[in-house]
Amino acid sequence: MPNKEFLEQYPLYRKFWVKNMPTTTSELLKVSIKMNCPTCKSDQTFVMTNEYDENCEYRNSPIGGIEFRLKYVCMHCKKFNRYFYVKVDEHKKYLMKIGQYPSWDIVPEPNIERLLGEHSDYFKRGLICESQGYGIGAFVYYRRIIEEIIDQLLDEITELLTGNEKDKFLKALEETKKTIVAQDKIALVKDLLPTILRPEGMNPLSTLHSLLSEGLHSKSDEDCIQSAMSVREVLVFLVNQVSVSKEASKSFTSSMRKLLQKKSEKD
């Protein structure tokens, strides 16, 4: 601790819960991370170059309640540095970033911006809310995107199906037009999702349905951050995967037509 997931992905003030927290600074591991390097203009490996106890009164200090700075340098250019400022819970239950430079990346990948189109603004706002620990705000923005693109997304999923599977999906799709509630639409088709959209058998639409069905009124920002992050990841996966699958299908169909045409010309 801290680990790659925490350093690479966690925004400020989000608690990173740890089951078996080390007791002293000497037990903390230095992990390498992979993040963007503006100097190299690409993702690179970064390694930690300072010590956890550099600002402590003595070496091997107890870590409960302390704050420490992590300095990481790009291994490729050896010039660009990233800094993380981390606080340990007094009871050693969790870690929390209280500072980061450069700031947590709130720029969505270009492909997602292109695929989301006019809805990409909501996505950016959701990322900004996440970066500041506003879980409820982030969840609301991501939920709004899903509510506005769900019909288009389900129509595009139809294009990935064939035969009996497609017939079942189309029948369920007709039922979705009778409701305007996103989670109700998802409930009608989630079990008919094609295999290509189920990584390792996991169903992203089922996950979305579960998350969207949860009420926000009694949840804290911390609770909602977890849900918001999951909604974002599922949304990005579905939008990307549907797009990639459609393009692959078009490319395959085009190639097959060219081959058949050549074969026909020879005959």
C-alpha atoms as a PDB file:
ATOM      1  CA  MET A   1       0.000   0.000   0.000  1.00  0.00           C
ATOM      2  CA  PRO A   2      -0.616   2.354  -1.687  1.00  0.00           C
ATOM      3  CA  ASN A   3      -1.159   0.307  -4.849  1.00  0.00           C
ATOM      4  CA  LYS A   4      -1.478   0.944  -8.590  1.00  0.00           C
ATOM      5  CA  GLU A   5      -5.279   1.181  -8.602  1.00  0.00           C
ATOM      6  CA  PHE A   6      -5.255   3.839  -5.891  1.00  0.00           C
ATOM      7  CA  LEU A   7      -2.534   5.973  -7.469  1.00  0.00           C
ATOM      8  CA  GLU A   8      -3.626   5.674 -11.091  1.00  0.00           C
ATOM      9  CA  GLN A   9      -7.410   5.801 -10.789  1.00  0.00           C
ATOM     10  CA  TYR A  10      -8.610   7.289  -7.515  1.00  0.00           C
ATOM     11  CA  PRO A  11      -9.640  10.977  -7.460  1.00  0.00           C
ATOM     12  CA  LEU A  12      -9.057  13.259  -4.464  1.00  0.00           C
ATOM     13  CA  TYR A  13     -10.824  12.538  -1.177  1.00  0.00           C
ATOM     14  CA  ARG A  14     -12.143   9.123  -2.190  1.00  0.00           C
ATOM     15  CA  LYS A  15     -11.402   6.595   0.547  1.00  0.00           C
ATOM     16  CA  PHE A  16      -9.325   3.582  -0.431  1.00  0.00           C
ATOM     17  CA  TRP A  17     -10.186   0.940   2.154  1.00  0.00           C
ATOM     18  CA  VAL A  18      -7.379  -1.403   3.226  1.00  0.00           C
ATOM     19  CA  LYS A  19      -7.944  -4.670   5.112  1.00  0.00           C
ATOM     20  CA  ASN A  20      -4.417  -5.211   6.383  1.00  0.00           C
ATOM     21  CA  MET A  21      -2.762  -1.824   6.618  1.00  0.00           C
ATOM     22  CA  PRO A  22       1.001  -1.842   7.322  1.00  0.00           C
ATOM     23  CA  THR A  23       1.894  -0.412  10.726  1.00  0.00           C
ATOM     24  CA  THR A  24       5.061   1.553   9.902  1.00  0.00           C
ATOM     25  CA  THR A  25       6.496   3.491   6.959  1.00  0.00           C
ATOM     26  CA  SER A  26       9.179   0.843   6.399  1.00  0.00           C
ATOM     27  CA  GLU A  27       6.458  -1.687   5.509  1.00  0.00           C
ATOM     28  CA  LEU A  28       4.989   0.450   2.735  1.00  0.00           C
ATOM     29  CA  LEU A  29       5.869  -0.777  -0.746  1.00  0.00           C
ATOM     30  CA  LYS A  30       7.023   1.334  -3.664  1.00  0.00           C
ATOM     31  CA  VAL A  31       4.888   0.320  -6.640  1.00  0.00           C
ATOM     32  CA  SER A  32       5.461   1.356 -10.232  1.00  0.00           C
ATOM     33  CA  ILE A  33       2.550   2.959 -12.066  1.00  0.00           C
ATOM     34  CA  LYS A  34       1.632   3.571 -15.687  1.00  0.00           C
ATOM     35  CA  MET A  35       0.312   7.035 -16.512  1.00  0.00           C
ATOM     36  CA  ASN A  36       0.567   9.649 -19.233  1.00  0.00           C
ATOM     37  CA  CYS A  37       3.810  11.569 -19.600  1.00  0.00           C
ATOM     38  CA  PRO A  38       3.292  14.970 -21.301  1.00  0.00           C
ATOM     39  CA  THR A  39       6.991  15.115 -22.158  1.00  0.00           C
ATOM     40  CA  CYS A  40       6.930  11.744 -23.933  1.00  0.00           C
ATOM     41  CA  LYS A  41       3.349  12.354 -25.122  1.00  0.00           C
ATOM     42  CA  SER A  42       2.377   8.770 -24.305  1.00  0.00           C
ATOM     43  CA  ASP A  43       1.658   6.418 -21.408  1.00  0.00           C
ATOM     44  CA  GLN A  44       4.857   5.499 -19.599  1.00  0.00           C
ATOM     45  CA  THR A  45       6.034   3.649 -16.498  1.00  0.00           C
ATOM     46  CA  PHE A  46       6.702   5.854 -13.465  1.00  0.00           C
ATOM     47  CA  VAL A  47       8.700   4.841 -10.371  1.00  0.00           C
ATOM     48  CA  MET A  48       8.798   6.351  -6.892  1.00  0.00           C
ATOM     49  CA  THR A  49      12.048   8.174  -6.122  1.00  0.00           C
ATOM     50  CA  ASN A  50      11.641   9.447  -2.543  1.00  0.00           C
ATOM     51  CA  GLU A  51      11.034   7.814   0.860  1.00  0.00           C
ATOM     52  CA  TYR A  52       7.760   7.509   2.766  1.00  0.00           C
ATOM     53  CA  ASP A  53       9.330   8.831   5.951  1.00  0.00           C
ATOM     54  CA  GLU A  54      11.094  11.854   4.418  1.00  0.00           C
ATOM     55  CA  ASN A  55       9.002  14.290   6.482  1.00  0.00           C
ATOM     56  CA  CYS A  56       8.599  12.113   9.577  1.00  0.00           C
ATOM     57  CA  GLU A  57      10.395  12.750  12.867  1.00  0.00           C
ATOM     58  CA  TYR A  58      12.216   9.454  12.611  1.00  0.00           C
ATOM     59  CA  ARG A  59      12.586   6.431  10.336  1.00  0.00           C
ATOM     60  CA  ASN A  60      10.157   3.560  10.561  1.00  0.00           C
ATOM     61  CA  SER A  61       7.385   5.838  11.889  1.00  0.00           C
ATOM     62  CA  PRO A  62       3.896   4.536  12.738  1.00  0.00           C
ATOM     63  CA  ILE A  63       1.621   5.424   9.815  1.00  0.00           C
ATOM     64  CA  GLY A  64      -1.687   5.974  11.629  1.00  0.00           C
ATOM     65  CA  GLY A  65      -2.861   9.511  10.831  1.00  0.00           C
ATOM     66  CA  ILE A  66       0.286  10.603   8.944  1.00  0.00           C
ATOM     67  CA  GLU A  67       0.489  12.432   5.632  1.00  0.00           C
ATOM     68  CA  PHE A  68       3.199  11.725   3.092  1.00  0.00           C
ATOM     69  CA  ARG A  69       4.336  12.827  -0.332  1.00  0.00           C
ATOM     70  CA  LEU A  70       5.107  10.443  -3.189  1.00  0.00           C
ATOM     71  CA  LYS A  71       7.370  11.619  -6.013  1.00  0.00           C
ATOM     72  CA  TYR A  72       7.252   9.612  -9.250  1.00  0.00           C
ATOM     73  CA  VAL A  73       9.473  10.086 -12.300  1.00  0.00           C
ATOM     74  CA  CYS A  74       8.916   8.887 -15.863  1.00  0.00           C
ATOM     75  CA  MET A  75      11.326   6.056 -16.630  1.00  0.00           C
ATOM     76  CA  HIS A  76      11.472   6.935 -20.306  1.00  0.00           C
ATOM     77  CA  CYS A  77      12.449  10.613 -20.327  1.00  0.00           C
ATOM     78  CA  LYS A  78      13.674  10.744 -16.690  1.00  0.00           C
ATOM     79  CA  LYS A  79      12.410  14.341 -16.582  1.00  0.00           C
ATOM     80  CA  PHE A  80       8.670  14.503 -15.959  1.00  0.00           C
ATOM     81  CA  ASN A  81       7.511  14.062 -12.350  1.00  0.00           C
ATOM     82  CA  ARG A  82       4.144  13.236 -10.810  1.00  0.00           C
ATOM     83  CA  TYR A  83       3.360  13.984  -7.160  1.00  0.00           C
ATOM     84  CA  PHE A  84       0.785  12.448  -4.826  1.00  0.00           C
ATOM     85  CA  TYR A  85      -0.079  13.656  -1.332  1.00  0.00           C
ATOM     86  CA  VAL A  86      -1.667  10.924   0.748  1.00  0.00           C
ATOM     87  CA  LYS A  87      -3.237  10.837   4.194  1.00  0.00           C
ATOM     88  CA  VAL A  88      -3.605   7.662   6.269  1.00  0.00           C
ATOM     89  CA  ASP A  89      -6.691   7.250   8.445  1.00  0.00           C
ATOM     90  CA  GLU A  90      -5.869   7.515  12.177  1.00  0.00           C
ATOM     91  CA  HIS A  91      -7.342   4.053  12.702  1.00  0.00           C
ATOM     92  CA  LYS A  92      -5.457   2.700   9.669  1.00  0.00           C
ATOM     93  CA  LYS A  93      -8.640   1.705   7.834  1.00  0.00           C
ATOM     94  CA  TYR A  94      -8.146   3.660   4.610  1.00  0.00           C
ATOM     95  CA  LEU A  95      -5.910   5.914   2.501  1.00  0.00           C
ATOM     96  CA  MET A  96      -7.007   9.123   0.826  1.00  0.00           C
ATOM     97  CA  LYS A  97      -5.377  11.400  -1.734  1.00  0.00           C
ATOM     98  CA  ILE A  98      -5.444  14.978  -0.460  1.00  0.00           C
ATOM     99  CA  GLY A  99      -3.407  16.371  -3.339  1.00  0.00           C
ATOM    100  CA  GLN A 100      -2.103  15.380  -6.768  1.00  0.00           C
ATOM    101  CA  TYR A 101       0.008  17.054  -9.457  1.00  0.00           C
ATOM    102  CA  PRO A 102      -0.729  17.104 -12.311  1.00  0.00           C
ATOM    103  CA  SER A 103      -4.378  17.013 -11.255  1.00  0.00           C
ATOM    104  CA  TRP A 104      -6.496  13.904 -11.754  1.00  0.00           C
ATOM    105  CA  ASP A 105      -7.207  13.645 -15.479  1.00  0.00           C
ATOM    106  CA  ILE A 106     -10.709  14.909 -16.269  1.00  0.00           C
ATOM    107  CA  VAL A 107     -10.295  14.756 -20.053  1.00  0.00           C
ATOM    108  CA  PRO A 108     -12.221  11.811 -21.523  1.00  0.00           C
ATOM    109  CA  GLU A 109     -10.497   9.762 -24.185  1.00  0.00           C
ATOM    110  CA  PRO A 110     -11.164  11.179 -27.685  1.00  0.00           C
ATOM    111  CA  ASN A 111     -12.979   8.048 -28.820  1.00  0.00           C
ATOM    112  CA  ILE A 112     -15.559   8.359 -26.028  1.00  0.00           C
ATOM    113  CA  GLU A 113     -16.107  12.040 -26.795  1.00  0.00           C
ATOM    114  CA  ARG A 114     -16.713  11.162 -30.430  1.00  0.00           C
ATOM    115  CA  LEU A 115     -19.078   8.292 -29.671  1.00  0.00           C
ATOM    116  CA  LEU A 116     -21.082  10.168 -27.045  1.00  0.00           C
ATOM    117  CA  GLY A 117     -21.375  13.240 -29.271  1.00  0.00           C
ATOM    118  CA  GLU A 118     -23.618  15.893 -27.733  1.00  0.00           C
ATOM    119  CA  HIS A 119     -23.675  13.952 -24.449  1.00  0.00           C
ATOM    120  CA  SER A 120     -19.913  14.170 -23.931  1.00  0.00           C
ATOM    121  CA  ASP A 121     -20.405  17.410 -21.974  1.00  0.00           C
ATOM    122  CA  TYR A 122     -22.311  15.497 -19.281  1.00  0.00           C
ATOM    123  CA  PHE A 123     -19.479  12.958 -19.227  1.00  0.00           C
ATOM    124  CA  LYS A 124     -16.903  15.695 -18.574  1.00  0.00           C
ATOM    125  CA  ARG A 125     -19.038  17.139 -15.790  1.00  0.00           C
ATOM    126  CA  GLY A 126     -19.312  13.690 -14.253  1.00  0.00           C
ATOM    127  CA  LEU A 127     -15.526  13.322 -14.325  1.00  0.00           C
ATOM    128  CA  ILE A 128     -15.110  16.725 -12.692  1.00  0.00           C
ATOM    129  CA  CYS A 129     -17.526  15.733  -9.914  1.00  0.00           C
ATOM    130  CA  GLU A 130     -15.603  12.481  -9.409  1.00  0.00           C
ATOM    131  CA  SER A 131     -12.299  14.353  -9.220  1.00  0.00           C
ATOM    132  CA  GLN A 132     -13.652  16.498  -6.384  1.00  0.00           C
ATOM    133  CA  GLY A 133     -15.322  13.643  -4.513  1.00  0.00           C
ATOM    134  CA  TYR A 134     -18.877  14.718  -5.398  1.00  0.00           C
ATOM    135  CA  GLY A 135     -20.276  11.223  -5.851  1.00  0.00           C
ATOM    136  CA  ILE A 136     -23.941  12.181  -6.024  1.00  0.00           C
ATOM    137  CA  GLY A 137     -23.258  14.757  -8.750  1.00  0.00           C
ATOM    138  CA  ALA A 138     -21.140  12.318 -10.788  1.00  0.00           C
ATOM    139  CA  PHE A 139     -23.778   9.598 -10.541  1.00  0.00           C
ATOM    140  CA  VAL A 140     -26.528  11.979 -11.669  1.00  0.00           C
ATOM    141  CA  TYR A 141     -24.570  13.046 -14.770  1.00  0.00           C
ATOM    142  CA  TYR A 142     -23.710   9.481 -15.819  1.00  0.00           C
ATOM    143  CA  ARG A 143     -27.279   8.368 -15.196  1.00  0.00           C
ATOM    144  CA  ARG A 144     -28.551  11.211 -17.353  1.00  0.00           C
ATOM    145  CA  ILE A 145     -26.336  10.093 -20.253  1.00  0.00           C
ATOM    146  CA  ILE A 146     -27.714   6.557 -20.032  1.00  0.00           C
ATOM    147  CA  GLU A 147     -31.296   7.813 -19.915  1.00  0.00           C
ATOM    148  CA  GLU A 148     -30.718   9.862 -23.071  1.00  0.00           C
ATOM    149  CA  ILE A 149     -28.758   7.324 -25.136  1.00  0.00           C
ATOM    150  CA  ILE A 150     -30.333   4.040 -24.004  1.00  0.00           C
ATOM    151  CA  ASP A 151     -32.709   3.749 -26.993  1.00  0.00           C
ATOM    152  CA  GLN A 152     -29.903   4.397 -29.489  1.00  0.00           C
ATOM    153  CA  LEU A 153     -27.565   2.009 -27.649  1.00  0.00           C
ATOM    154  CA  LEU A 154     -30.119  -0.816 -27.624  1.00  0.00           C
ATOM    155  CA  ASP A 155     -30.825  -0.292 -31.333  1.00  0.00           C
ATOM    156  CA  GLU A 156     -27.100  -0.568 -32.063  1.00  0.00           C
ATOM    157  CA  ILE A 157     -26.838  -3.761 -29.992  1.00  0.00           C
ATOM    158  CA  THR A 158     -29.525  -5.250 -32.248  1.00  0.00           C
ATOM    159  CA  GLU A 159     -27.123  -4.995 -35.179  1.00  0.00           C
ATOM    160  CA  LEU A 160     -24.725  -7.367 -33.410  1.00  0.00           C
ATOM    161  CA  LEU A 161     -27.284 -10.170 -33.254  1.00  0.00           C
ATOM    162  CA  THR A 162     -28.462 -12.685 -35.838  1.00  0.00           C
ATOM    163  CA  GLY A 163     -31.144 -15.337 -36.242  1.00  0.00           C
ATOM    164  CA  ASN A 164     -33.247 -16.395 -33.277  1.00  0.00           C
ATOM    165  CA  GLU A 165     -31.252 -14.248 -30.844  1.00  0.00           C
ATOM    166  CA  LYS A 166     -32.043 -11.159 -32.891  1.00  0.00           C
ATOM    167  CA  ASP A 167     -35.746 -12.041 -33.096  1.00  0.00           C
ATOM    168  CA  LYS A 168     -35.968 -12.353 -29.293  1.00  0.00           C
ATOM    169  CA  PHE A 169     -34.107  -9.099 -28.786  1.00  0.00           C
ATOM    170  CA  LEU A 170     -36.315  -7.232 -31.271  1.00  0.00           C
ATOM    171  CA  LYS A 171     -39.438  -8.515 -29.540  1.00  0.00           C
ATOM    172  CA  ALA A 172     -38.159  -7.300 -26.174  1.00  0.00           C
ATOM    173  CA  LEU A 173     -37.064  -4.035 -27.805  1.00  0.00           C
ATOM    174  CA  GLU A 174     -40.651  -3.356 -28.858  1.00  0.00           C
ATOM    175  CA  GLU A 175     -41.673  -3.622 -25.206  1.00  0.00           C
ATOM    176  CA  THR A 176     -39.043  -1.050 -24.194  1.00  0.00           C
ATOM    177  CA  LYS A 177     -40.881   1.575 -26.239  1.00  0.00           C
ATOM    178  CA  LYS A 178     -43.774   1.399 -23.793  1.00  0.00           C
ATOM    179  CA  THR A 179     -41.699   2.934 -20.986  1.00  0.00           C
ATOM    180  CA  ILE A 180     -39.473   5.986 -20.625  1.00  0.00           C
ATOM    181  CA  VAL A 181     -37.617   4.671 -17.561  1.00  0.00           C
ATOM    182  CA  ALA A 182     -34.066   3.594 -18.440  1.00  0.00           C
ATOM    183  CA  GLN A 183     -33.779   0.799 -15.871  1.00  0.00           C
ATOM    184  CA  ASP A 184     -37.118  -0.648 -17.023  1.00  0.00           C
ATOM    185  CA  LYS A 185     -35.870  -0.703 -20.610  1.00  0.00           C
ATOM    186  CA  ILE A 186     -32.663  -2.428 -19.531  1.00  0.00           C
ATOM    187  CA  ALA A 187     -34.608  -4.991 -17.482  1.00  0.00           C
ATOM    188  CA  LEU A 188     -36.472  -6.111 -20.608  1.00  0.00           C
ATOM    189  CA  VAL A 189     -33.349  -6.854 -22.685  1.00  0.00           C
ATOM    190  CA  LYS A 190     -30.483  -7.415 -20.242  1.00  0.00           C
ATOM    191  CA  ASP A 191     -30.678 -11.217 -20.384  1.00  0.00           C
ATOM    192  CA  LEU A 192     -30.614 -11.188 -24.196  1.00  0.00           C
ATOM    193  CA  LEU A 193     -27.247  -9.456 -24.508  1.00  0.00           C
ATOM    194  CA  PRO A 194     -24.908 -11.026 -27.131  1.00  0.00           C
ATOM    195  CA  THR A 195     -21.865 -12.937 -25.902  1.00  0.00           C
ATOM    196  CA  ILE A 196     -19.486 -10.371 -27.388  1.00  0.00           C
ATOM    197  CA  LEU A 197     -20.769  -7.846 -24.820  1.00  0.00           C
ATOM    198  CA  ARG A 198     -20.373 -10.208 -21.852  1.00  0.00           C
ATOM    199  CA  PRO A 199     -16.670 -10.242 -20.885  1.00  0.00           C
ATOM    200  CA  GLU A 200     -15.946 -13.436 -18.949  1.00  0.00           C
ATOM    201  CA  GLY A 201     -19.677 -14.057 -18.699  1.00  0.00           C
ATOM    202  CA  MET A 202     -20.342 -10.795 -16.841  1.00  0.00           C
ATOM    203  CA  ASN A 203     -23.392  -8.843 -17.963  1.00  0.00           C
ATOM    204  CA  PRO A 204     -22.831  -5.048 -18.103  1.00  0.00           C
ATOM    205  CA  LEU A 205     -26.533  -4.352 -18.653  1.00  0.00           C
ATOM    206  CA  SER A 206     -27.420  -6.283 -15.501  1.00  0.00           C
ATOM    207  CA  THR A 207     -24.840  -4.216 -13.612  1.00  0.00           C
ATOM    208  CA  LEU A 208     -26.312  -1.003 -15.005  1.00  0.00           C
ATOM    209  CA  HIS A 209     -29.829  -2.095 -14.098  1.00  0.00           C
ATOM    210  CA  SER A 210     -28.778  -2.813 -10.525  1.00  0.00           C
ATOM    211  CA  LEU A 211     -26.927   0.500 -10.144  1.00  0.00           C
ATOM    212  CA  LEU A 212     -29.656   2.633 -11.711  1.00  0.00           C
ATOM    213  CA  SER A 213     -32.300   0.996  -9.537  1.00  0.00           C
ATOM    214  CA  GLU A 214     -30.557   2.132  -6.361  1.00  0.00           C
ATOM    215  CA  GLY A 215     -32.005   5.248  -4.757  1.00  0.00           C
ATOM    216  CA  LEU A 216     -29.733   8.227  -4.141  1.00  0.00           C
ATOM    217  CA  HIS A 217     -31.668   9.981  -1.405  1.00  0.00           C
ATOM    218  CA  SER A 218     -30.183   8.049   1.488  1.00  0.00           C
ATOM    219  CA  LYS A 219     -26.684   7.608   0.040  1.00  0.00           C
ATOM    220  CA  SER A 220     -23.604   9.649   0.891  1.00  0.00           C
ATOM    221  CA  ASP A 221     -21.139  11.117  -1.638  1.00  0.00           C
ATOM    222  CA  GLU A 222     -18.743   8.330  -0.688  1.00  0.00           C
ATOM    223  CA  ASP A 223     -21.340   5.634  -1.465  1.00  0.00           C
ATOM    224  CA  CYS A 224     -22.245   7.312  -4.744  1.00  0.00           C
ATOM    225  CA  ILE A 225     -18.603   7.644  -5.859  1.00  0.00           C
ATOM    226  CA  GLN A 226     -18.379   3.840  -5.933  1.00  0.00           C
ATOM    227  CA  SER A 227     -21.605   3.570  -7.965  1.00  0.00           C
ATOM    228  CA  ALA A 228     -20.662   6.476 -10.252  1.00  0.00           C
ATOM    229  CA  MET A 229     -17.299   4.897 -11.091  1.00  0.00           C
ATOM    230  CA  SER A 230     -18.986   1.566 -11.905  1.00  0.00           C
ATOM    231  CA  VAL A 231     -21.628   3.255 -14.073  1.00  0.00           C
ATOM    232  CA  ARG A 232     -18.896   5.172 -15.929  1.00  0.00           C
ATOM    233  CA  GLU A 233     -16.823   2.038 -16.558  1.00  0.00           C
ATOM    234  CA  VAL A 234     -19.830   0.036 -17.802  1.00  0.00           C
ATOM    235  CA  LEU A 235     -20.955   2.941 -19.988  1.00  0.00           C
ATOM    236  CA  VAL A 236     -17.498   3.337 -21.538  1.00  0.00           C
ATOM    237  CA  PHE A 237     -17.216  -0.424 -22.117  1.00  0.00           C
ATOM    238  CA  LEU A 238     -20.608  -0.714 -23.807  1.00  0.00           C
ATOM    239  CA  VAL A 239     -20.202   2.341 -26.035  1.00  0.00           C
ATOM    240  CA  ASN A 240     -16.684   1.302 -27.069  1.00  0.00           C
ATOM    241  CA  GLN A 241     -17.442  -2.381 -27.542  1.00  0.00           C
ATOM    242  CA  VAL A 242     -20.611  -1.815 -29.548  1.00  0.00           C
ATOM    243  CA  SER A 243     -18.750   0.607 -31.813  1.00  0.00           C
ATOM    244  CA  VAL A 244     -15.757  -1.721 -32.268  1.00  0.00           C
ATOM    245  CA  SER A 245     -18.005  -4.743 -32.942  1.00  0.00           C
ATOM    246  CA  LYS A 246     -20.049  -2.849 -35.510  1.00  0.00           C
ATOM    247  CA  GLU A 247     -16.922  -1.647 -37.317  1.00  0.00           C
ATOM    248  CA  ALA A 248     -15.449  -5.165 -37.300  1.00  0.00           C
ATOM    249  CA  SER A 249     -18.692  -6.562 -38.696  1.00  0.00           C
ATOM    250  CA  LYS A 250     -18.775  -3.954 -41.474  1.00  0.00           C
ATOM    251  CA  SER A 251     -15.133  -4.601 -42.337  1.00  0.00           C
ATOM    252  CA  PHE A 252     -15.703  -8.372 -42.447  1.00  0.00           C
ATOM    253  CA  THR A 253     -18.818  -8.020 -44.611  1.00  0.00           C
ATOM    254  CA  SER A 254     -17.020  -5.677 -46.999  1.00  0.00           C
ATOM    255  CA  SER A 255     -14.044  -8.042 -47.311  1.00  0.00           C
ATOM    256  CA  MET A 256     -16.280 -11.049 -47.927  1.00  0.00           C
ATOM    257  CA  ARG A 257     -18.193  -9.203 -50.625  1.00  0.00           C
ATOM    258  CA  LYS A 258     -14.953  -8.324 -52.402  1.00  0.00           C
ATOM    259  CA  LEU A 259     -13.780 -11.944 -52.247  1.00  0.00           C
ATOM    260  CA  LEU A 260     -17.107 -13.240 -53.552  1.00  0.00           C
ATOM    261  CA  GLN A 261     -17.066 -10.662 -56.315  1.00  0.00           C
ATOM    262  CA  LYS A 262     -13.567 -11.729 -57.415  1.00  0.00           C
ATOM    263  CA  LYS A 263     -14.609 -15.361 -57.310  1.00  0.00           C
ATOM    264  CA  SER A 264     -17.683 -14.553 -59.373  1.00  0.00           C
ATOM    265  CA  GLU A 265     -15.586 -12.724 -61.978  1.00  0.00           C
ATOM    266  CA  LYS A 266     -13.243 -15.715 -62.327  1.00  0.00           C
ATOM    267  CA  ASP A 267     -16.140 -18.133 -62.764  1.00  0.00           C
END
